């Protein structure tokens, strides 16, 4: 993802920090915050974090999910049709 999100001559760096998160009952729970920054060779921040990082992962996961669903549908549809036709004696 680095080549899509960071400018040339920079690299992606993930910064983590400890934080808290409220659960559904209102209690605070410890959590970890992840933040991506594009940094050049000297360590200067070239590009600040943006939603592009999250959107890219969401789109990638959606494409994988649709692909797996399509493959499973094709693999399971034909054998299921054969079994149903055998059970109902329509061969």
PDB file of N, CA and C in Angstrom:
ATOM      1  N   UNK A   1       0.827  -1.199   0.000  1.00  0.00           N
ATOM      2  CA  UNK A   1       0.000   0.000   0.000  1.00  0.00           C
ATOM      3  C   UNK A   1       0.869   1.260   0.000  1.00  0.00           C
ATOM      4  N   UNK A   2       2.115   1.090   0.400  1.00  0.00           N
ATOM      5  CA  UNK A   2       2.996   2.247   0.523  1.00  0.00           C
ATOM      6  C   UNK A   2       3.142   3.004  -0.787  1.00  0.00           C
ATOM      7  N   UNK A   3       3.317   2.288  -1.904  1.00  0.00           N
ATOM      8  CA  UNK A   3       3.529   2.953  -3.187  1.00  0.00           C
ATOM      9  C   UNK A   3       2.310   3.740  -3.646  1.00  0.00           C
ATOM     10  N   UNK A   4       1.122   3.404  -3.162  1.00  0.00           N
ATOM     11  CA  UNK A   4      -0.084   4.124  -3.547  1.00  0.00           C
ATOM     12  C   UNK A   4      -0.360   5.328  -2.654  1.00  0.00           C
ATOM     13  N   UNK A   5       0.055   5.249  -1.403  1.00  0.00           N
ATOM     14  CA  UNK A   5      -0.319   6.279  -0.436  1.00  0.00           C
ATOM     15  C   UNK A   5       0.766   7.320  -0.173  1.00  0.00           C
ATOM     16  N   UNK A   6       2.027   6.958  -0.392  1.00  0.00           N
ATOM     17  CA  UNK A   6       3.127   7.878  -0.098  1.00  0.00           C
ATOM     18  C   UNK A   6       3.735   8.411  -1.387  1.00  0.00           C
ATOM     19  N   UNK A   7       4.202   9.670  -1.365  1.00  0.00           N
ATOM     20  CA  UNK A   7       4.878  10.226  -2.537  1.00  0.00           C
ATOM     21  C   UNK A   7       6.200   9.502  -2.809  1.00  0.00           C
ATOM     22  N   UNK A   8       6.787   9.771  -3.977  1.00  0.00           N
ATOM     23  CA  UNK A   8       8.080   9.177  -4.317  1.00  0.00           C
ATOM     24  C   UNK A   8       9.143   9.600  -3.308  1.00  0.00           C
ATOM     25  N   UNK A   9      10.132   8.758  -3.130  1.00  0.00           N
ATOM     26  CA  UNK A   9      11.261   8.989  -2.210  1.00  0.00           C
ATOM     27  C   UNK A   9      10.812   9.143  -0.758  1.00  0.00           C
ATOM     28  N   UNK A  10       9.745   8.456  -0.386  1.00  0.00           N
ATOM     29  CA  UNK A  10       9.309   8.440   1.008  1.00  0.00           C
ATOM     30  C   UNK A  10       8.805   7.044   1.329  1.00  0.00           C
ATOM     31  N   UNK A  11       8.708   6.747   2.603  1.00  0.00           N
ATOM     32  CA  UNK A  11       8.226   5.429   3.011  1.00  0.00           C
ATOM     33  C   UNK A  11       7.163   5.585   4.087  1.00  0.00           C
ATOM     34  N   UNK A  12       6.308   4.576   4.174  1.00  0.00           N
ATOM     35  CA  UNK A  12       5.240   4.585   5.173  1.00  0.00           C
ATOM     36  C   UNK A  12       5.803   4.156   6.518  1.00  0.00           C
ATOM     37  N   UNK A  13       5.364   4.821   7.543  1.00  0.00           N
ATOM     38  CA  UNK A  13       5.788   4.494   8.903  1.00  0.00           C
ATOM     39  C   UNK A  13       4.528   4.448   9.768  1.00  0.00           C
ATOM     40  N   UNK A  14       4.370   3.369  10.507  1.00  0.00           N
ATOM     41  CA  UNK A  14       3.199   3.211  11.375  1.00  0.00           C
ATOM     42  C   UNK A  14       3.601   3.596  12.791  1.00  0.00           C
ATOM     43  N   UNK A  15       2.879   4.550  13.347  1.00  0.00           N
ATOM     44  CA  UNK A  15       3.110   5.022  14.712  1.00  0.00           C
ATOM     45  C   UNK A  15       2.016   4.421  15.595  1.00  0.00           C
ATOM     46  N   UNK A  16       2.404   3.815  16.714  1.00  0.00           N
ATOM     47  CA  UNK A  16       1.424   3.271  17.649  1.00  0.00           C
ATOM     48  C   UNK A  16       1.485   4.037  18.958  1.00  0.00           C
ATOM     49  N   UNK A  17       0.348   4.164  19.607  1.00  0.00           N
ATOM     50  CA  UNK A  17       0.297   4.817  20.912  1.00  0.00           C
ATOM     51  C   UNK A  17      -0.812   4.182  21.736  1.00  0.00           C
ATOM     52  N   UNK A  18      -0.655   4.241  23.025  1.00  0.00           N
ATOM     53  CA  UNK A  18      -1.661   3.702  23.942  1.00  0.00           C
ATOM     54  C   UNK A  18      -2.756   4.744  24.161  1.00  0.00           C
ATOM     55  N   UNK A  19      -3.981   4.291  24.185  1.00  0.00           N
ATOM     56  CA  UNK A  19      -5.119   5.178  24.405  1.00  0.00           C
ATOM     57  C   UNK A  19      -6.210   4.391  25.119  1.00  0.00           C
ATOM     58  N   UNK A  20      -7.345   5.000  25.329  1.00  0.00           N
ATOM     59  CA  UNK A  20      -8.479   4.295  25.931  1.00  0.00           C
ATOM     60  C   UNK A  20      -9.673   4.382  24.995  1.00  0.00           C
ATOM     61  N   UNK A  21     -10.579   3.451  25.179  1.00  0.00           N
ATOM     62  CA  UNK A  21     -11.761   3.347  24.343  1.00  0.00           C
ATOM     63  C   UNK A  21     -12.936   3.012  25.248  1.00  0.00           C
ATOM     64  N   UNK A  22     -14.079   3.614  24.995  1.00  0.00           N
ATOM     65  CA  UNK A  22     -15.273   3.310  25.789  1.00  0.00           C
ATOM     66  C   UNK A  22     -16.020   2.145  25.149  1.00  0.00           C
ATOM     67  N   UNK A  23     -16.389   1.161  25.975  1.00  0.00           N
ATOM     68  CA  UNK A  23     -17.173   0.041  25.457  1.00  0.00           C
ATOM     69  C   UNK A  23     -18.658   0.398  25.490  1.00  0.00           C
ATOM     70  N   UNK A  24     -19.508  -0.555  25.155  1.00  0.00           N
ATOM     71  CA  UNK A  24     -20.938  -0.260  25.055  1.00  0.00           C
ATOM     72  C   UNK A  24     -21.592   0.017  26.400  1.00  0.00           C
ATOM     73  N   UNK A  25     -20.914  -0.319  27.499  1.00  0.00           N
ATOM     74  CA  UNK A  25     -21.447  -0.045  28.838  1.00  0.00           C
ATOM     75  C   UNK A  25     -20.910   1.256  29.413  1.00  0.00           C
ATOM     76  N   UNK A  26     -20.041   1.945  28.658  1.00  0.00           N
ATOM     77  CA  UNK A  26     -19.489   3.217  29.114  1.00  0.00           C
ATOM     78  C   UNK A  26     -18.200   3.091  29.891  1.00  0.00           C
ATOM     79  N   UNK A  27     -17.704   1.891  30.082  1.00  0.00           N
ATOM     80  CA  UNK A  27     -16.447   1.705  30.810  1.00  0.00           C
ATOM     81  C   UNK A  27     -15.268   1.936  29.866  1.00  0.00           C
ATOM     82  N   UNK A  28     -14.205   2.527  30.396  1.00  0.00           N
ATOM     83  CA  UNK A  28     -13.019   2.767  29.584  1.00  0.00           C
ATOM     84  C   UNK A  28     -12.156   1.514  29.540  1.00  0.00           C
ATOM     85  N   UNK A  29     -11.704   1.171  28.356  1.00  0.00           N
ATOM     86  CA  UNK A  29     -10.857   0.011  28.135  1.00  0.00           C
ATOM     87  C   UNK A  29      -9.570   0.466  27.459  1.00  0.00           C
ATOM     88  N   UNK A  30      -8.451  -0.175  27.769  1.00  0.00           N
ATOM     89  CA  UNK A  30      -7.215   0.182  27.072  1.00  0.00           C
ATOM     90  C   UNK A  30      -7.286  -0.212  25.596  1.00  0.00           C
ATOM     91  N   UNK A  31      -6.660   0.582  24.752  1.00  0.00           N
ATOM     92  CA  UNK A  31      -6.646   0.320  23.316  1.00  0.00           C
ATOM     93  C   UNK A  31      -5.335   0.826  22.734  1.00  0.00           C
ATOM     94  N   UNK A  32      -5.073   0.428  21.511  1.00  0.00           N
ATOM     95  CA  UNK A  32      -3.868   0.867  20.808  1.00  0.00           C
ATOM     96  C   UNK A  32      -4.307   1.664  19.587  1.00  0.00           C
ATOM     97  N   UNK A  33      -3.703   2.830  19.402  1.00  0.00           N
ATOM     98  CA  UNK A  33      -3.995   3.693  18.267  1.00  0.00           C
ATOM     99  C   UNK A  33      -2.902   3.512  17.221  1.00  0.00           C
ATOM    100  N   UNK A  34      -3.288   3.312  15.949  1.00  0.00           N
ATOM    101  CA  UNK A  34      -2.341   3.173  14.843  1.00  0.00           C
ATOM    102  C   UNK A  34      -2.490   4.373  13.928  1.00  0.00           C
ATOM    103  N   UNK A  35      -1.364   4.962  13.535  1.00  0.00           N
ATOM    104  CA  UNK A  35      -1.383   6.122  12.663  1.00  0.00           C
ATOM    105  C   UNK A  35      -0.274   5.962  11.624  1.00  0.00           C
ATOM    106  N   UNK A  36      -0.601   6.200  10.360  1.00  0.00           N
ATOM    107  CA  UNK A  36       0.396   6.084   9.304  1.00  0.00           C
ATOM    108  C   UNK A  36       0.891   7.457   8.890  1.00  0.00           C
ATOM    109  N   UNK A  37       2.212   7.565   8.688  1.00  0.00           N
ATOM    110  CA  UNK A  37       2.816   8.791   8.192  1.00  0.00           C
ATOM    111  C   UNK A  37       3.788   8.446   7.080  1.00  0.00           C
ATOM    112  N   UNK A  38       3.896   9.313   6.092  1.00  0.00           N
ATOM    113  CA  UNK A  38       4.895   9.153   5.038  1.00  0.00           C
ATOM    114  C   UNK A  38       6.105   9.991   5.424  1.00  0.00           C
ATOM    115  N   UNK A  39       7.263   9.340   5.496  1.00  0.00           N
ATOM    116  CA  UNK A  39       8.478   9.977   6.004  1.00  0.00           C
ATOM    117  C   UNK A  39       9.562   9.893   4.931  1.00  0.00           C
ATOM    118  N   UNK A  40      10.352  10.977   4.767  1.00  0.00           N
ATOM    119  CA  UNK A  40      11.462  10.932   3.820  1.00  0.00           C
ATOM    120  C   UNK A  40      12.704  10.360   4.502  1.00  0.00           C
ATOM    121  N   UNK A  41      13.866  10.383   3.787  1.00  0.00           N
ATOM    122  CA  UNK A  41      15.087   9.773   4.328  1.00  0.00           C
ATOM    123  C   UNK A  41      15.573  10.436   5.610  1.00  0.00           C
ATOM    124  N   UNK A  42      15.314  11.728   5.763  1.00  0.00           N
ATOM    125  CA  UNK A  42      15.769  12.462   6.953  1.00  0.00           C
ATOM    126  C   UNK A  42      14.836  12.304   8.149  1.00  0.00           C
ATOM    127  N   UNK A  43      13.684  11.702   7.933  1.00  0.00           N
ATOM    128  CA  UNK A  43      12.720  11.527   9.014  1.00  0.00           C
ATOM    129  C   UNK A  43      11.655  12.607   9.063  1.00  0.00           C
ATOM    130  N   UNK A  44      11.658  13.499   8.073  1.00  0.00           N
ATOM    131  CA  UNK A  44      10.643  14.549   8.018  1.00  0.00           C
ATOM    132  C   UNK A  44       9.324  13.965   7.503  1.00  0.00           C
ATOM    133  N   UNK A  45       8.228  14.405   8.089  1.00  0.00           N
ATOM    134  CA  UNK A  45       6.912  13.941   7.663  1.00  0.00           C
ATOM    135  C   UNK A  45       6.569  14.638   6.353  1.00  0.00           C
ATOM    136  N   UNK A  46       6.379  13.846   5.289  1.00  0.00           N
ATOM    137  CA  UNK A  46       6.078  14.365   3.965  1.00  0.00           C
ATOM    138  C   UNK A  46       4.578  14.508   3.779  1.00  0.00           C
ATOM    139  N   UNK A  47       3.837  13.539   4.280  1.00  0.00           N
ATOM    140  CA  UNK A  47       2.386  13.550   4.138  1.00  0.00           C
ATOM    141  C   UNK A  47       1.767  13.100   5.452  1.00  0.00           C
ATOM    142  N   UNK A  48       0.780  13.852   5.900  1.00  0.00           N
ATOM    143  CA  UNK A  48       0.103  13.501   7.140  1.00  0.00           C
ATOM    144  C   UNK A  48      -0.949  12.436   6.869  1.00  0.00           C
ATOM    145  N   UNK A  49      -1.380  11.758   7.899  1.00  0.00           N
ATOM    146  CA  UNK A  49      -2.371  10.695   7.717  1.00  0.00           C
ATOM    147  C   UNK A  49      -3.672  11.233   7.123  1.00  0.00           C
ATOM    148  N   UNK A  50      -4.295  10.390   6.335  1.00  0.00           N
ATOM    149  CA  UNK A  50      -5.582  10.735   5.748  1.00  0.00           C
ATOM    150  C   UNK A  50      -6.440   9.472   5.713  1.00  0.00           C
ATOM    151  N   UNK A  51      -7.709   9.605   5.431  1.00  0.00           N
ATOM    152  CA  UNK A  51      -8.580   8.431   5.375  1.00  0.00           C
ATOM    153  C   UNK A  51      -8.254   7.476   4.224  1.00  0.00           C
ATOM    154  N   UNK A  52      -7.381   7.882   3.302  1.00  0.00           N
ATOM    155  CA  UNK A  52      -7.033   7.015   2.168  1.00  0.00           C
ATOM    156  C   UNK A  52      -6.546   5.654   2.630  1.00  0.00           C
ATOM    157  N   UNK A  53      -5.790   5.629   3.714  1.00  0.00           N
ATOM    158  CA  UNK A  53      -5.224   4.379   4.225  1.00  0.00           C
ATOM    159  C   UNK A  53      -6.345   3.408   4.601  1.00  0.00           C
ATOM    160  N   UNK A  54      -7.323   3.895   5.347  1.00  0.00           N
ATOM    161  CA  UNK A  54      -8.438   3.043   5.763  1.00  0.00           C
ATOM    162  C   UNK A  54      -9.305   2.646   4.572  1.00  0.00           C
ATOM    163  N   UNK A  55      -9.567   3.584   3.677  1.00  0.00           N
ATOM    164  CA  UNK A  55     -10.382   3.279   2.504  1.00  0.00           C
ATOM    165  C   UNK A  55      -9.726   2.207   1.643  1.00  0.00           C
ATOM    166  N   UNK A  56      -8.417   2.279   1.494  1.00  0.00           N
ATOM    167  CA  UNK A  56      -7.710   1.287   0.680  1.00  0.00           C
ATOM    168  C   UNK A  56      -7.854  -0.102   1.271  1.00  0.00           C
ATOM    169  N   UNK A  57      -7.715  -0.226   2.577  1.00  0.00           N
ATOM    170  CA  UNK A  57      -7.861  -1.536   3.218  1.00  0.00           C
ATOM    171  C   UNK A  57      -9.288  -2.047   3.121  1.00  0.00           C
ATOM    172  N   UNK A  58     -10.255  -1.161   3.297  1.00  0.00           N
ATOM    173  CA  UNK A  58     -11.657  -1.577   3.213  1.00  0.00           C
ATOM    174  C   UNK A  58     -11.984  -2.074   1.811  1.00  0.00           C
ATOM    175  N   UNK A  59     -11.534  -1.352   0.788  1.00  0.00           N
ATOM    176  CA  UNK A  59     -11.783  -1.769  -0.593  1.00  0.00           C
ATOM    177  C   UNK A  59     -11.095  -3.099  -0.874  1.00  0.00           C
ATOM    178  N   UNK A  60      -9.858  -3.266  -0.408  1.00  0.00           N
ATOM    179  CA  UNK A  60      -9.141  -4.525  -0.634  1.00  0.00           C
ATOM    180  C   UNK A  60      -9.875  -5.689   0.028  1.00  0.00           C
ATOM    181  N   UNK A  61     -10.328  -5.506   1.250  1.00  0.00           N
ATOM    182  CA  UNK A  61     -11.055  -6.571   1.947  1.00  0.00           C
ATOM    183  C   UNK A  61     -12.399  -6.868   1.282  1.00  0.00           C
ATOM    184  N   UNK A  62     -13.070  -5.837   0.788  1.00  0.00           N
ATOM    185  CA  UNK A  62     -14.333  -6.066   0.087  1.00  0.00           C
ATOM    186  C   UNK A  62     -14.107  -6.855  -1.194  1.00  0.00           C
ATOM    187  N   UNK A  63     -13.054  -6.536  -1.937  1.00  0.00           N
ATOM    188  CA  UNK A  63     -12.776  -7.254  -3.185  1.00  0.00           C
ATOM    189  C   UNK A  63     -12.439  -8.717  -2.900  1.00  0.00           C
ATOM    190  N   UNK A  64     -11.671  -8.968  -1.855  1.00  0.00           N
ATOM    191  CA  UNK A  64     -11.346 -10.342  -1.480  1.00  0.00           C
ATOM    192  C   UNK A  64     -12.615 -11.088  -1.082  1.00  0.00           C
ATOM    193  N   UNK A  65     -13.474 -10.446  -0.314  1.00  0.00           N
ATOM    194  CA  UNK A  65     -14.723 -11.081   0.122  1.00  0.00           C
ATOM    195  C   UNK A  65     -15.625 -11.424  -1.058  1.00  0.00           C
ATOM    196  N   UNK A  66     -15.768 -10.516  -1.996  1.00  0.00           N
ATOM    197  CA  UNK A  66     -16.598 -10.774  -3.174  1.00  0.00           C
ATOM    198  C   UNK A  66     -16.005 -11.910  -4.000  1.00  0.00           C
ATOM    199  N   UNK A  67     -14.681 -11.932  -4.134  1.00  0.00           N
ATOM    200  CA  UNK A  67     -14.031 -13.004  -4.883  1.00  0.00           C
ATOM    201  C   UNK A  67     -14.237 -14.355  -4.241  1.00  0.00           C
ATOM    202  N   UNK A  68     -14.062 -14.433  -2.934  1.00  0.00           N
ATOM    203  CA  UNK A  68     -14.273 -15.697  -2.221  1.00  0.00           C
ATOM    204  C   UNK A  68     -15.727 -16.130  -2.326  1.00  0.00           C
ATOM    205  N   UNK A  69     -16.654 -15.189  -2.200  1.00  0.00           N
ATOM    206  CA  UNK A  69     -18.080 -15.515  -2.326  1.00  0.00           C
ATOM    207  C   UNK A  69     -18.408 -16.056  -3.709  1.00  0.00           C
ATOM    208  N   UNK A  70     -17.846 -15.448  -4.741  1.00  0.00           N
ATOM    209  CA  UNK A  70     -18.105 -15.908  -6.105  1.00  0.00           C
ATOM    210  C   UNK A  70     -17.560 -17.314  -6.326  1.00  0.00           C
ATOM    211  N   UNK A  71     -16.360 -17.569  -5.853  1.00  0.00           N
ATOM    212  CA  UNK A  71     -15.762 -18.904  -6.017  1.00  0.00           C
ATOM    213  C   UNK A  71     -16.576 -19.943  -5.262  1.00  0.00           C
ATOM    214  N   UNK A  72     -16.956 -19.638  -4.032  1.00  0.00           N
ATOM    215  CA  UNK A  72     -17.767 -20.587  -3.262  1.00  0.00           C
ATOM    216  C   UNK A  72     -19.118 -20.825  -3.907  1.00  0.00           C
ATOM    217  N   UNK A  73     -19.715 -19.777  -4.439  1.00  0.00           N
ATOM    218  CA  UNK A  73     -21.009 -19.943  -5.099  1.00  0.00           C
ATOM    219  C   UNK A  73     -20.888 -20.856  -6.307  1.00  0.00           C
ATOM    220  N   UNK A  74     -19.847 -20.677  -7.106  1.00  0.00           N
ATOM    221  CA  UNK A  74     -19.668 -21.529  -8.284  1.00  0.00           C
ATOM    222  C   UNK A  74     -19.327 -22.961  -7.898  1.00  0.00           C
ATOM    223  N   UNK A  75     -18.510 -23.126  -6.882  1.00  0.00           N
ATOM    224  CA  UNK A  75     -18.120 -24.477  -6.472  1.00  0.00           C
ATOM    225  C   UNK A  75     -19.251 -25.248  -5.806  1.00  0.00           C
ATOM    226  N   UNK A  76     -20.122 -24.542  -5.111  1.00  0.00           N
ATOM    227  CA  UNK A  76     -21.192 -25.214  -4.381  1.00  0.00           C
ATOM    228  C   UNK A  76     -22.502 -25.297  -5.155  1.00  0.00           C
ATOM    229  N   UNK A  77     -22.707 -24.438  -6.148  1.00  0.00           N
ATOM    230  CA  UNK A  77     -23.980 -24.421  -6.866  1.00  0.00           C
ATOM    231  C   UNK A  77     -24.167 -25.665  -7.727  1.00  0.00           C
ATOM    232  N   UNK A  78     -23.161 -26.048  -8.476  1.00  0.00           N
ATOM    233  CA  UNK A  78     -23.291 -27.210  -9.371  1.00  0.00           C
ATOM    234  C   UNK A  78     -23.505 -28.511  -8.593  1.00  0.00           C
ATOM    235  N   UNK A  79     -22.682 -28.810  -7.589  1.00  0.00           N
ATOM    236  CA  UNK A  79     -22.933 -30.045  -6.835  1.00  0.00           C
ATOM    237  C   UNK A  79     -24.284 -30.035  -6.118  1.00  0.00           C
ATOM    238  N   UNK A  80     -24.694 -28.882  -5.635  1.00  0.00           N
ATOM    239  CA  UNK A  80     -25.991 -28.797  -4.958  1.00  0.00           C
ATOM    240  C   UNK A  80     -27.122 -29.076  -5.939  1.00  0.00           C
ATOM    241  N   UNK A  81     -27.017 -28.538  -7.155  1.00  0.00           N
ATOM    242  CA  UNK A  81     -28.036 -28.796  -8.173  1.00  0.00           C
ATOM    243  C   UNK A  81     -28.110 -30.261  -8.540  1.00  0.00           C
ATOM    244  N   UNK A  82     -26.970 -30.928  -8.638  1.00  0.00           N
ATOM    245  CA  UNK A  82     -26.956 -32.357  -8.956  1.00  0.00           C
ATOM    246  C   UNK A  82     -27.597 -33.164  -7.836  1.00  0.00           C
ATOM    247  N   UNK A  83     -27.271 -32.853  -6.597  1.00  0.00           N
ATOM    248  CA  UNK A  83     -27.845 -33.573  -5.455  1.00  0.00           C
ATOM    249  C   UNK A  83     -29.354 -33.368  -5.405  1.00  0.00           C
ATOM    250  N   UNK A  84     -29.808 -32.156  -5.614  1.00  0.00           N
ATOM    251  CA  UNK A  84     -31.246 -31.888  -5.577  1.00  0.00           C
ATOM    252  C   UNK A  84     -31.964 -32.633  -6.699  1.00  0.00           C
ATOM    253  N   UNK A  85     -31.358 -32.636  -7.901  1.00  0.00           N
ATOM    254  CA  UNK A  85     -32.007 -33.349  -9.007  1.00  0.00           C
ATOM    255  C   UNK A  85     -32.017 -34.856  -8.767  1.00  0.00           C
ATOM    256  N   UNK A  86     -30.989 -35.387  -8.147  1.00  0.00           N
ATOM    257  CA  UNK A  86     -30.989 -36.827  -7.828  1.00  0.00           C
ATOM    258  C   UNK A  86     -32.026 -37.157  -6.769  1.00  0.00           C
ATOM    259  N   UNK A  87     -32.177 -36.305  -5.792  1.00  0.00           N
ATOM    260  CA  UNK A  87     -33.136 -36.541  -4.724  1.00  0.00           C
ATOM    261  C   UNK A  87     -34.581 -36.425  -5.217  1.00  0.00           C
ATOM    262  N   UNK A  88     -34.805 -35.577  -6.187  1.00  0.00           N
ATOM    263  CA  UNK A  88     -36.170 -35.431  -6.706  1.00  0.00           C
ATOM    264  C   UNK A  88     -36.388 -36.261  -7.958  1.00  0.00           C
ATOM    265  N   UNK A  89     -35.442 -37.094  -8.342  1.00  0.00           N
ATOM    266  CA  UNK A  89     -35.523 -38.020  -9.480  1.00  0.00           C
ATOM    267  C   UNK A  89     -35.802 -37.306 -10.788  1.00  0.00           C
ATOM    268  N   UNK A  90     -35.141 -36.194 -11.040  1.00  0.00           N
ATOM    269  CA  UNK A  90     -35.333 -35.448 -12.286  1.00  0.00           C
ATOM    270  C   UNK A  90     -34.146 -35.629 -13.225  1.00  0.00           C
ATOM    271  N   UNK A  91     -33.388 -36.665 -13.090  1.00  0.00           N
ATOM    272  CA  UNK A  91     -32.216 -36.858 -13.927  1.00  0.00           C
ATOM    273  C   UNK A  91     -32.607 -37.319 -15.307  1.00  0.00           C
TER     274      UNK A  91
END
